[in-house]
């Protein structure tokens, strides 16, 4: 697992590219469930590789089942299909995308950010973390945290991403 050095602060209006370049660590996450999903992914590994998708069991992640999206990864060109679109994500965007491609996501700006996140995560053999602390999403200011967990085939290619999300409105005082 990653080291426990202090995480630098996330700039208030950092782009998705800037946040991904920070290689955020789990201690930066506000959600205990996302930190747990991150740790549990490491427990599922067999050696240095990624867990095999064929051995994926939702029961291993039952504590985030309502906020866990499963994306199928296609390459050349990059495309991502929602195998499961979580109830939290459906509530946030107002549309169930299960079985549909990310191209069908209703918000163009958020769709592009999700795609950048997925492309980044689909090229790494470890979890990817993104935290946007004050993002405008569907006319609401939100805290939005995502942990992308790669799963693959016996050859070690990433074929699926489990995206565990935490989102809630930002409360201003």
Protein backbone atom coordinates (compact mmCIF):
# COMPACT_ATOMS: atom_id res chain seq x y z
CA UNK A 1 0.00 0.00 0.00
CA UNK A 2 1.11 3.60 -0.49
CA UNK A 3 3.19 5.31 2.16
CA UNK A 4 1.66 7.52 4.83
CA UNK A 5 3.47 10.80 4.12
CA UNK A 6 1.44 13.97 4.47
CA UNK A 7 -0.84 14.67 1.49
CA UNK A 8 -0.55 18.17 -0.02
CA UNK A 9 -3.70 20.28 -0.03
CA UNK A 10 -5.87 20.07 -3.13
CA UNK A 11 -6.06 23.52 -4.78
CA UNK A 12 -9.66 24.83 -4.63
CA UNK A 13 -10.29 24.92 -8.40
CA UNK A 14 -7.86 22.23 -9.54
CA UNK A 15 -8.71 20.53 -12.82
CA UNK A 16 -9.17 16.77 -13.05
CA UNK A 17 -5.72 16.52 -14.66
CA UNK A 18 -4.13 18.44 -11.78
CA UNK A 19 -5.89 16.31 -9.17
CA UNK A 20 -4.89 13.05 -10.89
CA UNK A 21 -1.28 14.23 -11.14
CA UNK A 22 -1.26 14.61 -7.34
CA UNK A 23 -1.60 10.81 -6.89
CA UNK A 24 -3.93 11.33 -3.95
CA UNK A 25 -3.70 8.82 -1.13
CA UNK A 26 -6.55 7.22 0.82
CA UNK A 27 -5.91 9.31 3.94
CA UNK A 28 -7.11 12.34 1.93
CA UNK A 29 -10.58 10.77 1.53
CA UNK A 30 -13.34 11.97 3.85
CA UNK A 31 -15.33 8.75 3.34
CA UNK A 32 -14.36 5.85 5.58
CA UNK A 33 -16.14 3.47 3.16
CA UNK A 34 -13.94 4.63 0.26
CA UNK A 35 -10.79 4.23 2.37
CA UNK A 36 -11.99 0.70 3.21
CA UNK A 37 -12.68 -0.13 -0.47
CA UNK A 38 -9.16 1.03 -1.30
CA UNK A 39 -7.66 -1.20 1.40
CA UNK A 40 -9.87 -4.17 0.50
CA UNK A 41 -8.76 -4.01 -3.15
CA UNK A 42 -5.16 -4.56 -1.96
CA UNK A 43 -6.32 -7.58 0.04
CA UNK A 44 -7.84 -9.11 -3.13
CA UNK A 45 -4.60 -8.98 -5.10
CA UNK A 46 -2.64 -12.11 -5.91
CA UNK A 47 0.94 -10.90 -5.83
CA UNK A 48 1.87 -7.70 -7.64
CA UNK A 49 -0.88 -7.88 -10.27
CA UNK A 50 -4.44 -6.64 -10.24
CA UNK A 51 -7.36 -8.76 -9.02
CA UNK A 52 -9.02 -10.93 -11.67
CA UNK A 53 -12.47 -9.65 -12.63
CA UNK A 54 -13.79 -13.22 -12.78
CA UNK A 55 -13.25 -13.46 -9.02
CA UNK A 56 -15.01 -10.13 -8.32
CA UNK A 57 -17.74 -10.58 -5.72
CA UNK A 58 -19.94 -7.63 -4.78
CA UNK A 59 -20.12 -9.10 -1.27
CA UNK A 60 -16.47 -8.10 -0.84
CA UNK A 61 -17.68 -4.49 -1.19
CA UNK A 62 -21.19 -4.73 0.31
CA UNK A 63 -20.60 -1.61 2.44
CA UNK A 64 -20.43 0.55 -0.75
CA UNK A 65 -22.93 -1.34 -2.93
CA UNK A 66 -25.20 1.71 -3.38
CA UNK A 67 -22.29 3.84 -4.50
CA UNK A 68 -20.26 1.36 -6.57
CA UNK A 69 -20.29 1.66 -10.36
CA UNK A 70 -18.79 -1.14 -12.45
CA UNK A 71 -17.36 0.00 -15.77
CA UNK A 72 -16.29 -2.28 -18.60
CA UNK A 73 -13.12 -0.96 -20.27
CA UNK A 74 -12.72 -0.89 -24.07
CA UNK A 75 -9.59 0.36 -25.83
CA UNK A 76 -8.79 1.80 -29.26
CA UNK A 77 -10.65 4.07 -28.78
CA UNK A 78 -11.23 4.35 -25.04
CA UNK A 79 -14.86 3.63 -24.18
CA UNK A 80 -16.47 2.77 -20.88
CA UNK A 81 -19.75 0.90 -20.45
CA UNK A 82 -21.69 0.95 -17.21
CA UNK A 83 -22.18 -2.70 -16.26
CA UNK A 84 -23.76 -1.36 -13.05
CA UNK A 85 -24.68 2.28 -12.43
CA UNK A 86 -25.01 2.78 -8.68
CA UNK A 87 -28.15 4.14 -7.05
CA UNK A 88 -26.18 7.14 -5.72
CA UNK A 89 -24.91 7.95 -9.22
CA UNK A 90 -28.40 7.53 -10.68
CA UNK A 91 -29.77 9.92 -8.05
CA UNK A 92 -27.01 12.45 -8.81
CA UNK A 93 -27.42 12.46 -12.59
CA UNK A 94 -31.11 11.58 -12.88
CA UNK A 95 -30.62 8.70 -15.33
CA UNK A 96 -29.81 5.00 -14.96
CA UNK A 97 -26.94 4.25 -17.32
CA UNK A 98 -26.67 0.51 -16.58
CA UNK A 99 -25.79 -1.18 -19.89
CA UNK A 100 -25.08 2.16 -21.57
CA UNK A 101 -21.83 3.86 -22.44
CA UNK A 102 -20.35 6.83 -20.63
CA UNK A 103 -21.11 8.74 -23.87
CA UNK A 104 -24.76 8.77 -22.70
CA UNK A 105 -23.98 10.61 -19.45
CA UNK A 106 -26.27 13.68 -19.30
CA UNK A 107 -23.70 16.31 -18.22
CA UNK A 108 -21.03 16.95 -20.87
CA UNK A 109 -18.57 18.55 -18.41
CA UNK A 110 -18.90 15.78 -15.83
CA UNK A 111 -18.85 13.12 -18.59
CA UNK A 112 -15.48 14.44 -19.80
CA UNK A 113 -14.11 14.43 -16.24
CA UNK A 114 -15.32 10.86 -15.67
CA UNK A 115 -13.73 9.78 -18.95
CA UNK A 116 -10.38 11.40 -18.03
CA UNK A 117 -10.54 9.67 -14.66
CA UNK A 118 -11.36 6.28 -16.25
CA UNK A 119 -8.64 6.54 -18.92
CA UNK A 120 -6.11 7.40 -16.21
CA UNK A 121 -7.32 4.59 -13.91
CA UNK A 122 -7.41 2.03 -16.75
CA UNK A 123 -3.68 2.51 -17.29
CA UNK A 124 -2.59 1.88 -13.69
CA UNK A 125 -2.24 -1.35 -11.76
CA UNK A 126 -3.32 0.32 -8.53
CA UNK A 127 -6.31 2.32 -7.29
CA UNK A 128 -6.84 5.88 -8.49
CA UNK A 129 -8.30 8.54 -6.22
CA UNK A 130 -9.94 11.84 -7.14
CA UNK A 131 -11.36 14.42 -4.76
CA UNK A 132 -13.21 17.54 -5.89
CA UNK A 133 -14.24 19.46 -2.80
CA UNK A 134 -16.39 22.16 -4.37
CA UNK A 135 -17.49 21.01 -7.82
CA UNK A 136 -20.64 22.24 -9.54
CA UNK A 137 -22.62 19.12 -10.43
CA UNK A 138 -26.19 19.25 -11.68
CA UNK A 139 -26.69 22.79 -10.32
CA UNK A 140 -25.40 21.90 -6.85
CA UNK A 141 -22.04 22.51 -5.19
CA UNK A 142 -20.77 19.07 -4.22
CA UNK A 143 -18.00 17.22 -2.47
CA UNK A 144 -17.22 14.42 -4.91
CA UNK A 145 -14.77 11.63 -4.10
CA UNK A 146 -14.00 8.66 -6.33
CA UNK A 147 -11.81 5.60 -5.90
CA UNK A 148 -11.17 3.68 -9.13
CA UNK A 149 -10.30 0.03 -8.54
CA UNK A 150 -8.90 -1.87 -11.55
CA UNK A 151 -9.83 -5.49 -12.25
CA UNK A 152 -8.51 -7.53 -15.12
CA UNK A 153 -8.10 -10.74 -17.02
CA UNK A 154 -5.51 -13.52 -16.52
CA UNK A 155 -3.10 -11.67 -18.85
CA UNK A 156 -3.09 -8.74 -16.43
CA UNK A 157 -4.98 -6.34 -18.74
CA UNK A 158 -7.44 -4.02 -17.04
CA UNK A 159 -10.91 -4.98 -18.28
CA UNK A 160 -13.11 -3.39 -15.61
CA UNK A 161 -13.05 -0.49 -13.19
CA UNK A 162 -15.05 -0.48 -9.99
CA UNK A 163 -15.73 3.19 -9.20
CA UNK A 164 -16.70 3.75 -5.58
CA UNK A 165 -18.11 7.25 -5.12
CA UNK A 166 -19.00 9.56 -2.28
CA UNK A 167 -20.89 12.73 -3.08
CA UNK A 168 -22.83 15.15 -0.99
CA UNK A 169 -23.85 18.80 -1.20
CA UNK A 170 -21.36 21.29 0.17
CA UNK A 171 -22.84 23.04 3.17
CA UNK A 172 -21.96 26.71 3.44
CA UNK A 173 -22.12 28.49 6.77
